[in-house]
Every structure is written in C-alpha cells, then in structure tokens.
Amino acid sequence: MGTASLIVDAPAFKPAARRRRGKPPLALRPLHKLWRRTIDEIEVRKVTLPVRQLPAAIEGVVACQISDFHVDRDEDLSRLGRAVELINRQQPALVLLTGDYFSGRDTMRRYLAPFGRELRKLTPSAGTFAIAGNHDHWASFDDISSTLTGTGIEVLSNESRRIHLRGDALTIVGIDDLWTRRADPARAFRNVRPGDCTLVLAHNPDTALYTRHLQPGVMLSGHTHGGVVRLPYYGSPLKSILRLGKQFYSGLNRYRDFYIYTNRGLGTFWLRVRINCRPEVSHFRLTGHFPRPQPETDRPRGRRSREKSHR
C-alpha cells in the first residue's frame, strides 16, 4: 500500500450564503464564482496517518487538523466557523491547530475575541492542542495564546503533554516556530520517555530537519498553504520555500523513518488566490501500519483508484 492509497477526498463543504456584496460585471461573474469557490469551499481530506510506535489500543482514533487561518476579514472568520462545524461532524478525539491564526497585529486585535468564540465551539472528546506560527509571533502570540487558553485549548510552546486514550498513552509534542527562531525540539522532547509514541505539531515542515534524531512518531505541519497553486502531474510551480523541497508543500510524505503531513490551511495571505488548492480540514485515522515510501503526486485519480482507497 503506497502513500496515495492512504488518502481519501471527501466531498467539498459548500459555504453558507454570504452577506451580499456588489456583483462583478456580468462577463466576469463565472470567473468570480470560480475564484470564490477556490478560497471558500473547504475540503475534508481523509487520511490514514502512519504513527511510529502507535499503541494497538489507539489504532483507528480520529484526529482533525486545521492550520493557517489568517483571520484578517469577516469572510475569514466565517470560513473558520464552517471549519469548526465540519470538524465537529467528524467526532474527533483530538483537534490539532498548527499556527498562523492571524496575519498581523491589526487584524489580530480586531478579530481576536470572535476568533476565540468560534474555537470554543470545538467538541473533541480528548482535547484540543495548539502551537504558534511565524505570523502569530509577528502579531503577538502572548495575546493569541491567552485567548486560546481561555477557550480550553492547550497551547504547547516547546513542550509536551502525555494524554490517555482507550487505556493507553500518546504524547502530544508542540514545537515553536522555526522562522522566528523560537523552535527548540530538544526542549520540547525533554519530558518524553524512551519508547513513547509522539504526535508532533510544528508549523513549518522544515522543523523535521532538526527533530528527526528525536524519533517523532509523526509530524503535523502547515505554513505552505499547499503551495497556493497546484498543477496536475507537477504540483506547485512556485519556488520552494522549504529546505525539504516542494514535495512537502502538501499532504502525506515520508521523511527518513517517519511521516510528515502538511495541511493546506484555511486562509490566504497577501494574494487572495488558490488554484486547485482548496482550504482543508484534515481528518486523520491513526494507524501503526507503515506503507512503502511513495511521494504524493497531483495526478488525477480515476474511479478505480478511488474505490481502492476506500477498502
């Protein structure tokens, strides 16, 4: 079983009616409709997530991840609300938030309170955990962290928490942001016991370069927005911002002896554009089974391959 067969695309979640705005010229309306769809329709990405040393009792546990909200406008807040609704429909044990909640200080101040109200609606059975991204530190992560904590979310800044699921243990490790030079993997793992199964949250996938010797069970990241533009058979045409390479811009990829999953994010930054790269809620089913290494591609999947992935 290759990596591609671990991923199932659920039907896109269509947004509720938005507040009416001025309509674009008639000739541009089809293009405008397509543009709105690419940045507003959230895709639930169902993934069988390989976790090294996963206890047998935790096999099949469901976790959800969202990332890169960039709540800078009313529409971004509405998108976050729809993502929360979608996550609750999945009935996860865990919800994992991997940073970049706002783009800057001004929008953070404006939307911080309603941002907290939306996240308070999350209903995982075992807890919600969050880390910072680079934009959060540029905005003021002290304020963001206070709001997250006030909603019952546990914020991990180079630290870990051991939780119990189905009578066994899983350790959530949160590594701070790499670009702002706050990442300290050794400190984050300092209370991890030998043989512990770890689920690592790190905003930037490149954090894996400095974490691999600590034997993470799996790493969940964001940061890349999926590459923003994804072309069939090729992936993102944009120059890589990752030392790991563009392969790690999106989806499930194996790095050495563990897997990294990169979420495409919910929001946009600077350019409000997504092409073949819709906002994402990741739905994980945890497994201790490791498939043979196979890079994710953007090759269109036919009916037979989709049916096979459901088996």
C-alpha atoms as a PDB file:
ATOM      1  CA  MET A   1       0.000   0.000   0.000  1.00  0.00           C
ATOM      2  CA  GLY A   2       1.519   3.335  -1.066  1.00  0.00           C
ATOM      3  CA  THR A   3       1.055   6.773   0.430  1.00  0.00           C
ATOM      4  CA  ALA A   4      -1.527   7.794  -2.167  1.00  0.00           C
ATOM      5  CA  SER A   5      -3.851   4.965  -1.104  1.00  0.00           C
ATOM      6  CA  LEU A   6      -3.958   6.336   2.443  1.00  0.00           C
ATOM      7  CA  ILE A   7      -5.789   9.478   1.355  1.00  0.00           C
ATOM      8  CA  VAL A   8      -9.474   9.838   0.540  1.00  0.00           C
ATOM      9  CA  ASP A   9     -11.053  13.064  -0.662  1.00  0.00           C
ATOM     10  CA  ALA A  10     -14.406  13.739   0.964  1.00  0.00           C
ATOM     11  CA  PRO A  11     -16.943  15.926  -0.865  1.00  0.00           C
ATOM     12  CA  ALA A  12     -16.234  19.624  -0.513  1.00  0.00           C
ATOM     13  CA  PHE A  13     -18.170  21.538   2.138  1.00  0.00           C
ATOM     14  CA  LYS A  14     -20.121  24.283   0.417  1.00  0.00           C
ATOM     15  CA  PRO A  15     -20.259  27.553   2.340  1.00  0.00           C
ATOM     16  CA  ALA A  16     -23.449  29.042   3.655  1.00  0.00           C
ATOM     17  CA  ALA A  17     -24.792  32.114   1.959  1.00  0.00           C
ATOM     18  CA  ARG A  18     -22.534  35.097   2.458  1.00  0.00           C
ATOM     19  CA  ARG A  19     -23.522  38.663   3.079  1.00  0.00           C
ATOM     20  CA  ARG A  20     -24.431  40.235  -0.248  1.00  0.00           C
ATOM     21  CA  ARG A  21     -21.765  42.338  -1.894  1.00  0.00           C
ATOM     22  CA  GLY A  22     -21.754  44.351  -5.049  1.00  0.00           C
ATOM     23  CA  LYS A  23     -21.807  41.995  -8.017  1.00  0.00           C
ATOM     24  CA  PRO A  24     -18.943  41.983 -10.527  1.00  0.00           C
ATOM     25  CA  PRO A  25     -19.646  42.820 -14.198  1.00  0.00           C
ATOM     26  CA  LEU A  26     -21.709  40.156 -15.949  1.00  0.00           C
ATOM     27  CA  ALA A  27     -18.831  38.971 -18.133  1.00  0.00           C
ATOM     28  CA  LEU A  28     -16.652  38.366 -15.056  1.00  0.00           C
ATOM     29  CA  ARG A  29     -19.209  36.564 -12.904  1.00  0.00           C
ATOM     30  CA  PRO A  30     -18.250  32.992 -13.934  1.00  0.00           C
ATOM     31  CA  LEU A  31     -14.615  33.758 -13.118  1.00  0.00           C
ATOM     32  CA  HIS A  32     -15.596  35.439  -9.851  1.00  0.00           C
ATOM     33  CA  LYS A  33     -17.716  32.436  -8.870  1.00  0.00           C
ATOM     34  CA  LEU A  34     -14.809  30.091  -9.551  1.00  0.00           C
ATOM     35  CA  TRP A  35     -12.464  32.306  -7.534  1.00  0.00           C
ATOM     36  CA  ARG A  36     -14.845  32.366  -4.559  1.00  0.00           C
ATOM     37  CA  ARG A  37     -15.184  28.603  -4.727  1.00  0.00           C
ATOM     38  CA  THR A  38     -11.431  28.022  -4.646  1.00  0.00           C
ATOM     39  CA  ILE A  39     -10.932  30.108  -1.494  1.00  0.00           C
ATOM     40  CA  ASP A  40     -14.196  29.321   0.339  1.00  0.00           C
ATOM     41  CA  GLU A  41     -15.177  25.677  -0.245  1.00  0.00           C
ATOM     42  CA  ILE A  42     -13.469  23.610   2.430  1.00  0.00           C
ATOM     43  CA  GLU A  43     -12.317  20.119   1.568  1.00  0.00           C
ATOM     44  CA  VAL A  44     -12.283  17.389   4.215  1.00  0.00           C
ATOM     45  CA  ARG A  45      -9.150  15.373   3.461  1.00  0.00           C
ATOM     46  CA  LYS A  46      -9.455  11.870   4.933  1.00  0.00           C
ATOM     47  CA  VAL A  47      -6.056  10.361   5.656  1.00  0.00           C
ATOM     48  CA  THR A  48      -4.862   7.148   7.239  1.00  0.00           C
ATOM     49  CA  LEU A  49      -1.980   8.601   9.237  1.00  0.00           C
ATOM     50  CA  PRO A  50       1.005   6.317   9.994  1.00  0.00           C
ATOM     51  CA  VAL A  51       2.341   6.925  13.507  1.00  0.00           C
ATOM     52  CA  ARG A  52       5.522   5.194  14.612  1.00  0.00           C
ATOM     53  CA  GLN A  53       5.152   3.087  17.783  1.00  0.00           C
ATOM     54  CA  LEU A  54       1.404   3.723  17.962  1.00  0.00           C
ATOM     55  CA  PRO A  55      -0.104   1.543  20.714  1.00  0.00           C
ATOM     56  CA  ALA A  56      -2.530  -1.048  19.397  1.00  0.00           C
ATOM     57  CA  ALA A  57      -5.292   0.346  21.619  1.00  0.00           C
ATOM     58  CA  ILE A  58      -5.098   3.732  19.870  1.00  0.00           C
ATOM     59  CA  GLU A  59      -5.331   2.261  16.338  1.00  0.00           C
ATOM     60  CA  GLY A  60      -8.176   3.967  14.479  1.00  0.00           C
ATOM     61  CA  VAL A  61      -8.507   7.006  16.776  1.00  0.00           C
ATOM     62  CA  VAL A  62      -9.718  10.059  14.816  1.00  0.00           C
ATOM     63  CA  ALA A  63      -7.954  13.426  14.973  1.00  0.00           C
ATOM     64  CA  CYS A  64      -8.557  16.599  12.956  1.00  0.00           C
ATOM     65  CA  GLN A  65      -6.104  19.351  11.991  1.00  0.00           C
ATOM     66  CA  ILE A  66      -6.606  22.891  10.742  1.00  0.00           C
ATOM     67  CA  SER A  67      -3.900  25.450  10.085  1.00  0.00           C
ATOM     68  CA  ASP A  68      -3.103  28.907   8.715  1.00  0.00           C
ATOM     69  CA  PHE A  69      -6.449  30.571   9.405  1.00  0.00           C
ATOM     70  CA  HIS A  70      -5.198  34.102   8.609  1.00  0.00           C
ATOM     71  CA  VAL A  71      -8.343  35.657  10.066  1.00  0.00           C
ATOM     72  CA  ASP A  72      -7.998  39.124   8.514  1.00  0.00           C
ATOM     73  CA  ARG A  73     -11.522  39.714   7.181  1.00  0.00           C
ATOM     74  CA  ASP A  74     -15.109  38.851   8.060  1.00  0.00           C
ATOM     75  CA  GLU A  75     -15.077  36.154   5.383  1.00  0.00           C
ATOM     76  CA  ASP A  76     -12.041  34.510   7.024  1.00  0.00           C
ATOM     77  CA  LEU A  77     -13.885  34.378  10.336  1.00  0.00           C
ATOM     78  CA  SER A  78     -16.890  32.834   8.595  1.00  0.00           C
ATOM     79  CA  ARG A  79     -14.638  30.233   6.964  1.00  0.00           C
ATOM     80  CA  LEU A  80     -13.212  29.347  10.366  1.00  0.00           C
ATOM     81  CA  GLY A  81     -16.748  28.892  11.699  1.00  0.00           C
ATOM     82  CA  ARG A  82     -17.561  26.494   8.858  1.00  0.00           C
ATOM     83  CA  ALA A  83     -14.334  24.574   9.533  1.00  0.00           C
ATOM     84  CA  VAL A  84     -15.291  24.186  13.201  1.00  0.00           C
ATOM     85  CA  GLU A  85     -18.697  22.870  12.163  1.00  0.00           C
ATOM     86  CA  LEU A  86     -17.064  20.391   9.805  1.00  0.00           C
ATOM     87  CA  ILE A  87     -14.634  19.193  12.454  1.00  0.00           C
ATOM     88  CA  ASN A  88     -17.411  18.560  14.950  1.00  0.00           C
ATOM     89  CA  ARG A  89     -19.177  16.425  12.342  1.00  0.00           C
ATOM     90  CA  GLN A  90     -16.118  14.143  12.268  1.00  0.00           C
ATOM     91  CA  GLN A  91     -16.467  13.483  16.044  1.00  0.00           C
ATOM     92  CA  PRO A  92     -12.690  13.502  16.645  1.00  0.00           C
ATOM     93  CA  ALA A  93     -10.888  12.549  19.816  1.00  0.00           C
ATOM     94  CA  LEU A  94      -8.278  15.261  19.150  1.00  0.00           C
ATOM     95  CA  VAL A  95      -8.210  18.612  17.371  1.00  0.00           C
ATOM     96  CA  LEU A  96      -4.803  19.998  16.415  1.00  0.00           C
ATOM     97  CA  LEU A  97      -4.131  23.623  15.446  1.00  0.00           C
ATOM     98  CA  THR A  98      -0.807  24.352  13.749  1.00  0.00           C
ATOM     99  CA  GLY A  99      -0.430  28.109  13.705  1.00  0.00           C
ATOM    100  CA  ASP A 100      -0.753  31.354  11.725  1.00  0.00           C
ATOM    101  CA  TYR A 101      -4.118  32.343  13.167  1.00  0.00           C
ATOM    102  CA  PHE A 102      -3.772  35.984  12.032  1.00  0.00           C
ATOM    103  CA  SER A 103      -1.520  37.769   9.553  1.00  0.00           C
ATOM    104  CA  GLY A 104      -0.576  40.754  11.704  1.00  0.00           C
ATOM    105  CA  ARG A 105      -1.208  42.789  14.819  1.00  0.00           C
ATOM    106  CA  ASP A 106      -4.030  44.992  13.488  1.00  0.00           C
ATOM    107  CA  THR A 107      -6.238  42.143  12.300  1.00  0.00           C
ATOM    108  CA  MET A 108      -5.405  40.136  15.415  1.00  0.00           C
ATOM    109  CA  ARG A 109      -6.701  42.927  17.625  1.00  0.00           C
ATOM    110  CA  ARG A 110      -9.889  43.259  15.572  1.00  0.00           C
ATOM    111  CA  TYR A 111     -10.787  39.567  15.365  1.00  0.00           C
ATOM    112  CA  LEU A 112      -9.235  38.030  18.479  1.00  0.00           C
ATOM    113  CA  ALA A 113     -12.457  37.872  20.512  1.00  0.00           C
ATOM    114  CA  PRO A 114     -14.703  36.367  17.769  1.00  0.00           C
ATOM    115  CA  PHE A 115     -11.842  34.008  16.853  1.00  0.00           C
ATOM    116  CA  GLY A 116     -11.956  32.679  20.395  1.00  0.00           C
ATOM    117  CA  ARG A 117     -15.744  32.344  20.315  1.00  0.00           C
ATOM    118  CA  GLU A 118     -15.562  30.171  17.184  1.00  0.00           C
ATOM    119  CA  LEU A 119     -12.879  27.894  18.603  1.00  0.00           C
ATOM    120  CA  ARG A 120     -14.818  27.495  21.842  1.00  0.00           C
ATOM    121  CA  LYS A 121     -17.397  25.541  19.805  1.00  0.00           C
ATOM    122  CA  LEU A 122     -14.953  22.673  19.118  1.00  0.00           C
ATOM    123  CA  THR A 123     -16.071  19.442  20.797  1.00  0.00           C
ATOM    124  CA  PRO A 124     -13.268  16.819  20.689  1.00  0.00           C
ATOM    125  CA  SER A 125     -13.544  14.040  23.252  1.00  0.00           C
ATOM    126  CA  ALA A 126      -9.898  14.165  24.389  1.00  0.00           C
ATOM    127  CA  GLY A 127      -8.798  17.762  23.844  1.00  0.00           C
ATOM    128  CA  THR A 128      -7.556  20.483  21.507  1.00  0.00           C
ATOM    129  CA  PHE A 129      -3.865  21.404  21.230  1.00  0.00           C
ATOM    130  CA  ALA A 130      -2.283  24.416  19.523  1.00  0.00           C
ATOM    131  CA  ILE A 131       1.106  25.819  18.558  1.00  0.00           C
ATOM    132  CA  ALA A 132       2.317  29.139  17.148  1.00  0.00           C
ATOM    133  CA  GLY A 133       3.233  30.037  13.588  1.00  0.00           C
ATOM    134  CA  ASN A 134       5.542  32.775  12.354  1.00  0.00           C
ATOM    135  CA  HIS A 135       2.711  35.296  11.812  1.00  0.00           C
ATOM    136  CA  ASP A 136       1.463  34.748  15.355  1.00  0.00           C
ATOM    137  CA  HIS A 137       4.751  35.901  16.818  1.00  0.00           C
ATOM    138  CA  TRP A 138       4.791  38.890  14.483  1.00  0.00           C
ATOM    139  CA  ALA A 139       1.246  39.745  15.649  1.00  0.00           C
ATOM    140  CA  SER A 140       1.596  38.984  19.411  1.00  0.00           C
ATOM    141  CA  PHE A 141       1.406  35.373  20.424  1.00  0.00           C
ATOM    142  CA  ASP A 142       1.001  36.274  24.090  1.00  0.00           C
ATOM    143  CA  ASP A 143      -2.454  37.670  23.308  1.00  0.00           C
ATOM    144  CA  ILE A 144      -3.345  34.813  20.980  1.00  0.00           C
ATOM    145  CA  SER A 145      -2.166  32.200  23.470  1.00  0.00           C
ATOM    146  CA  SER A 146      -4.214  33.804  26.241  1.00  0.00           C
ATOM    147  CA  THR A 147      -7.335  33.639  24.092  1.00  0.00           C
ATOM    148  CA  LEU A 148      -6.681  30.026  23.085  1.00  0.00           C
ATOM    149  CA  THR A 149      -6.136  29.028  26.705  1.00  0.00           C
ATOM    150  CA  GLY A 150      -9.322  30.823  27.698  1.00  0.00           C
ATOM    151  CA  THR A 151     -11.325  28.634  25.332  1.00  0.00           C
ATOM    152  CA  GLY A 152      -9.961  25.449  26.918  1.00  0.00           C
ATOM    153  CA  ILE A 153      -7.308  24.812  24.260  1.00  0.00           C
ATOM    154  CA  GLU A 154      -3.882  23.688  25.479  1.00  0.00           C
ATOM    155  CA  VAL A 155      -1.037  25.707  23.959  1.00  0.00           C
ATOM    156  CA  LEU A 156       2.292  23.911  23.602  1.00  0.00           C
ATOM    157  CA  SER A 157       5.431  26.035  23.219  1.00  0.00           C
ATOM    158  CA  ASN A 158       8.425  23.701  23.077  1.00  0.00           C
ATOM    159  CA  GLU A 159       6.719  21.339  25.497  1.00  0.00           C
ATOM    160  CA  SER A 160       4.713  18.126  25.557  1.00  0.00           C
ATOM    161  CA  ARG A 161       1.603  16.627  27.141  1.00  0.00           C
ATOM    162  CA  ARG A 162       1.001  12.952  27.789  1.00  0.00           C
ATOM    163  CA  ILE A 163      -2.644  12.006  27.301  1.00  0.00           C
ATOM    164  CA  HIS A 164      -4.538   8.757  27.753  1.00  0.00           C
ATOM    165  CA  LEU A 165      -6.777   7.275  25.071  1.00  0.00           C
ATOM    166  CA  ARG A 166      -8.500   3.899  25.277  1.00  0.00           C
ATOM    167  CA  GLY A 167      -6.360   2.914  28.250  1.00  0.00           C
ATOM    168  CA  ASP A 168      -3.010   3.708  26.628  1.00  0.00           C
ATOM    169  CA  ALA A 169      -0.791   6.778  26.233  1.00  0.00           C
ATOM    170  CA  LEU A 170       0.011   9.208  23.432  1.00  0.00           C
ATOM    171  CA  THR A 171       2.309  12.213  23.848  1.00  0.00           C
ATOM    172  CA  ILE A 172       1.485  15.447  22.009  1.00  0.00           C
ATOM    173  CA  VAL A 173       4.664  17.476  21.380  1.00  0.00           C
ATOM    174  CA  GLY A 174       4.417  21.131  20.358  1.00  0.00           C
ATOM    175  CA  ILE A 175       7.470  22.787  18.794  1.00  0.00           C
ATOM    176  CA  ASP A 176       7.519  26.573  18.497  1.00  0.00           C
ATOM    177  CA  ASP A 177       8.054  28.375  15.181  1.00  0.00           C
ATOM    178  CA  LEU A 178      11.204  27.836  13.137  1.00  0.00           C
ATOM    179  CA  TRP A 179      11.306  31.055  11.059  1.00  0.00           C
ATOM    180  CA  THR A 180      11.171  33.272  14.140  1.00  0.00           C
ATOM    181  CA  ARG A 181      13.960  31.180  15.729  1.00  0.00           C
ATOM    182  CA  ARG A 182      11.820  30.001  18.619  1.00  0.00           C
ATOM    183  CA  ALA A 183      11.861  26.302  17.724  1.00  0.00           C
ATOM    184  CA  ASP A 184      13.613  24.171  20.350  1.00  0.00           C
ATOM    185  CA  PRO A 185      12.941  20.487  19.600  1.00  0.00           C
ATOM    186  CA  ALA A 186      15.225  19.212  22.365  1.00  0.00           C
ATOM    187  CA  ARG A 187      13.342  21.254  24.954  1.00  0.00           C
ATOM    188  CA  ALA A 188      10.004  20.150  23.507  1.00  0.00           C
ATOM    189  CA  PHE A 189      11.026  16.490  23.895  1.00  0.00           C
ATOM    190  CA  ARG A 190      12.727  16.813  27.275  1.00  0.00           C
ATOM    191  CA  ASN A 191       9.886  15.062  29.155  1.00  0.00           C
ATOM    192  CA  VAL A 192       9.254  12.420  26.504  1.00  0.00           C
ATOM    193  CA  ARG A 193      10.124   8.963  27.796  1.00  0.00           C
ATOM    194  CA  PRO A 194      12.030   6.344  25.762  1.00  0.00           C
ATOM    195  CA  GLY A 195       9.531   4.329  23.790  1.00  0.00           C
ATOM    196  CA  ASP A 196       6.766   6.964  23.998  1.00  0.00           C
ATOM    197  CA  CYS A 197       4.587   7.379  20.944  1.00  0.00           C
ATOM    198  CA  THR A 198       4.671  11.057  19.896  1.00  0.00           C
ATOM    199  CA  LEU A 199       2.437  13.170  17.713  1.00  0.00           C
ATOM    200  CA  VAL A 200       4.461  16.286  16.914  1.00  0.00           C
ATOM    201  CA  LEU A 201       2.997  19.685  15.987  1.00  0.00           C
ATOM    202  CA  ALA A 202       5.395  22.021  14.155  1.00  0.00           C
ATOM    203  CA  HIS A 203       4.167  24.886  11.996  1.00  0.00           C
ATOM    204  CA  ASN A 204       6.998  24.690   9.458  1.00  0.00           C
ATOM    205  CA  PRO A 205       7.698  21.266   7.851  1.00  0.00           C
ATOM    206  CA  ASP A 206      11.421  22.102   7.809  1.00  0.00           C
ATOM    207  CA  THR A 207      11.375  21.617  11.578  1.00  0.00           C
ATOM    208  CA  ALA A 208      11.739  17.919  10.760  1.00  0.00           C
ATOM    209  CA  LEU A 209      15.370  18.557   9.811  1.00  0.00           C
ATOM    210  CA  TYR A 210      16.139  19.393  13.448  1.00  0.00           C
ATOM    211  CA  THR A 211      13.797  16.839  15.016  1.00  0.00           C
ATOM    212  CA  ARG A 212      14.467  13.563  13.201  1.00  0.00           C
ATOM    213  CA  HIS A 213      17.071  12.389  15.759  1.00  0.00           C
ATOM    214  CA  LEU A 214      14.377  12.590  18.458  1.00  0.00           C
ATOM    215  CA  GLN A 215      12.371   9.884  16.667  1.00  0.00           C
ATOM    216  CA  PRO A 216       8.986  11.587  16.261  1.00  0.00           C
ATOM    217  CA  GLY A 217       6.033   9.299  15.734  1.00  0.00           C
ATOM    218  CA  VAL A 218       4.595  11.639  13.108  1.00  0.00           C
ATOM    219  CA  MET A 219       4.747  15.381  12.416  1.00  0.00           C
ATOM    220  CA  LEU A 220       1.818  17.651  11.516  1.00  0.00           C
ATOM    221  CA  SER A 221       2.580  20.997   9.870  1.00  0.00           C
ATOM    222  CA  GLY A 222       1.136  23.851   7.825  1.00  0.00           C
ATOM    223  CA  HIS A 223       2.852  27.093   6.733  1.00  0.00           C
ATOM    224  CA  THR A 224       2.946  26.461   2.965  1.00  0.00           C
ATOM    225  CA  HIS A 225      -0.758  26.936   2.125  1.00  0.00           C
ATOM    226  CA  GLY A 226      -0.340  23.844  -0.007  1.00  0.00           C
ATOM    227  CA  GLY A 227       1.826  25.744  -2.464  1.00  0.00           C
ATOM    228  CA  VAL A 228      -1.152  28.029  -3.331  1.00  0.00           C
ATOM    229  CA  VAL A 229      -1.161  26.846  -6.961  1.00  0.00           C
ATOM    230  CA  ARG A 230      -1.137  23.114  -7.734  1.00  0.00           C
ATOM    231  CA  LEU A 231      -0.866  21.798 -11.284  1.00  0.00           C
ATOM    232  CA  PRO A 232      -1.817  18.213 -12.252  1.00  0.00           C
ATOM    233  CA  TYR A 233       1.204  15.901 -12.603  1.00  0.00           C
ATOM    234  CA  TYR A 234       3.528  18.675 -11.384  1.00  0.00           C
ATOM    235  CA  GLY A 235       2.462  20.172  -8.065  1.00  0.00           C
ATOM    236  CA  SER A 236       3.224  23.774  -7.213  1.00  0.00           C
ATOM    237  CA  PRO A 237       5.138  25.811  -9.817  1.00  0.00           C
ATOM    238  CA  LEU A 238       6.250  28.263  -7.124  1.00  0.00           C
ATOM    239  CA  LYS A 239       9.838  28.256  -5.946  1.00  0.00           C
ATOM    240  CA  SER A 240      10.206  26.147  -2.821  1.00  0.00           C
ATOM    241  CA  ILE A 241      10.343  27.975   0.498  1.00  0.00           C
ATOM    242  CA  LEU A 242      11.238  24.681   2.196  1.00  0.00           C
ATOM    243  CA  ARG A 243      14.656  23.112   2.510  1.00  0.00           C
ATOM    244  CA  LEU A 244      12.839  19.777   2.400  1.00  0.00           C
ATOM    245  CA  GLY A 245      11.565  20.635  -1.095  1.00  0.00           C
ATOM    246  CA  LYS A 246       8.202  21.240  -2.752  1.00  0.00           C
ATOM    247  CA  GLN A 247       7.126  17.643  -2.240  1.00  0.00           C
ATOM    248  CA  PHE A 248       6.391  18.604   1.372  1.00  0.00           C
ATOM    249  CA  TYR A 249       4.144  21.542   0.435  1.00  0.00           C
ATOM    250  CA  SER A 250       1.012  19.449   0.836  1.00  0.00           C
ATOM    251  CA  GLY A 251      -0.296  16.113   2.036  1.00  0.00           C
ATOM    252  CA  LEU A 252       1.330  12.988   3.418  1.00  0.00           C
ATOM    253  CA  ASN A 253       5.031  12.448   2.715  1.00  0.00           C
ATOM    254  CA  ARG A 254       7.646  10.198   4.238  1.00  0.00           C
ATOM    255  CA  TYR A 255      10.848  11.768   5.559  1.00  0.00           C
ATOM    256  CA  ARG A 256      13.513   9.257   6.547  1.00  0.00           C
ATOM    257  CA  ASP A 257      11.795   6.934   9.018  1.00  0.00           C
ATOM    258  CA  PHE A 258       8.645   8.910   9.837  1.00  0.00           C
ATOM    259  CA  TYR A 259       5.836  10.774   8.083  1.00  0.00           C
ATOM    260  CA  ILE A 260       5.041  14.468   7.787  1.00  0.00           C
ATOM    261  CA  TYR A 261       1.556  15.711   6.966  1.00  0.00           C
ATOM    262  CA  THR A 262       1.286  19.274   5.633  1.00  0.00           C
ATOM    263  CA  ASN A 263      -2.171  20.840   5.837  1.00  0.00           C
ATOM    264  CA  ARG A 264      -3.100  23.324   3.067  1.00  0.00           C
ATOM    265  CA  GLY A 265      -4.578  25.788   5.547  1.00  0.00           C
ATOM    266  CA  LEU A 266      -7.866  27.684   5.635  1.00  0.00           C
ATOM    267  CA  GLY A 267      -6.948  31.247   4.750  1.00  0.00           C
ATOM    268  CA  THR A 268      -4.836  33.284   2.377  1.00  0.00           C
ATOM    269  CA  PHE A 269      -2.095  35.822   2.881  1.00  0.00           C
ATOM    270  CA  TRP A 270      -1.218  38.759   0.666  1.00  0.00           C
ATOM    271  CA  LEU A 271      -2.739  37.342  -2.525  1.00  0.00           C
ATOM    272  CA  ARG A 272      -6.267  36.015  -2.063  1.00  0.00           C
ATOM    273  CA  VAL A 273      -5.668  33.210  -4.531  1.00  0.00           C
ATOM    274  CA  ARG A 274      -5.857  29.418  -4.510  1.00  0.00           C
ATOM    275  CA  ILE A 275      -5.721  27.334  -7.685  1.00  0.00           C
ATOM    276  CA  ASN A 276      -6.552  23.631  -7.386  1.00  0.00           C
ATOM    277  CA  CYS A 277      -5.633  24.024  -3.713  1.00  0.00           C
ATOM    278  CA  ARG A 278      -8.819  24.406  -1.672  1.00  0.00           C
ATOM    279  CA  PRO A 279      -8.907  25.162   2.070  1.00  0.00           C
ATOM    280  CA  GLU A 280      -8.534  21.988   4.106  1.00  0.00           C
ATOM    281  CA  VAL A 281      -9.748  20.223   7.204  1.00  0.00           C
ATOM    282  CA  SER A 282      -7.581  17.139   7.733  1.00  0.00           C
ATOM    283  CA  HIS A 283      -9.359  14.069   9.107  1.00  0.00           C
ATOM    284  CA  PHE A 284      -6.843  11.510  10.374  1.00  0.00           C
ATOM    285  CA  ARG A 285      -7.356   7.907  11.318  1.00  0.00           C
ATOM    286  CA  LEU A 286      -4.275   6.960  13.311  1.00  0.00           C
ATOM    287  CA  THR A 287      -2.528   3.710  12.391  1.00  0.00           C
ATOM    288  CA  GLY A 288       0.650   1.935  13.365  1.00  0.00           C
ATOM    289  CA  HIS A 289       0.968   0.423   9.880  1.00  0.00           C
ATOM    290  CA  PHE A 290       3.726   1.916   7.718  1.00  0.00           C
ATOM    291  CA  PRO A 291       3.277   1.685   3.928  1.00  0.00           C
ATOM    292  CA  ARG A 292       6.168   1.594   1.499  1.00  0.00           C
ATOM    293  CA  PRO A 293       7.583   5.081   0.799  1.00  0.00           C
ATOM    294  CA  GLN A 294       5.831   6.761  -2.121  1.00  0.00           C
ATOM    295  CA  PRO A 295       5.711  10.530  -2.739  1.00  0.00           C
ATOM    296  CA  GLU A 296       2.353  12.222  -3.049  1.00  0.00           C
ATOM    297  CA  THR A 297       1.520  13.408  -6.553  1.00  0.00           C
ATOM    298  CA  ASP A 298      -1.143  15.635  -8.020  1.00  0.00           C
ATOM    299  CA  ARG A 299      -2.044  13.045 -10.647  1.00  0.00           C
ATOM    300  CA  PRO A 300      -5.825  12.928 -11.229  1.00  0.00           C
ATOM    301  CA  ARG A 301      -7.291   9.800  -9.695  1.00  0.00           C
ATOM    302  CA  GLY A 302      -9.670   7.627 -11.644  1.00  0.00           C
ATOM    303  CA  ARG A 303     -12.689   5.755 -10.394  1.00  0.00           C
ATOM    304  CA  ARG A 304     -10.791   2.517  -9.761  1.00  0.00           C
ATOM    305  CA  SER A 305      -8.127   4.191  -7.654  1.00  0.00           C
ATOM    306  CA  ARG A 306     -10.764   5.991  -5.569  1.00  0.00           C
ATOM    307  CA  GLU A 307     -12.633   2.755  -4.967  1.00  0.00           C
ATOM    308  CA  LYS A 308      -9.409   1.004  -3.973  1.00  0.00           C
ATOM    309  CA  SER A 309      -8.562   3.719  -1.424  1.00  0.00           C
ATOM    310  CA  HIS A 310     -11.868   3.104   0.387  1.00  0.00           C
ATOM    311  CA  ARG A 311     -11.049  -0.561   1.027  1.00  0.00           C
END
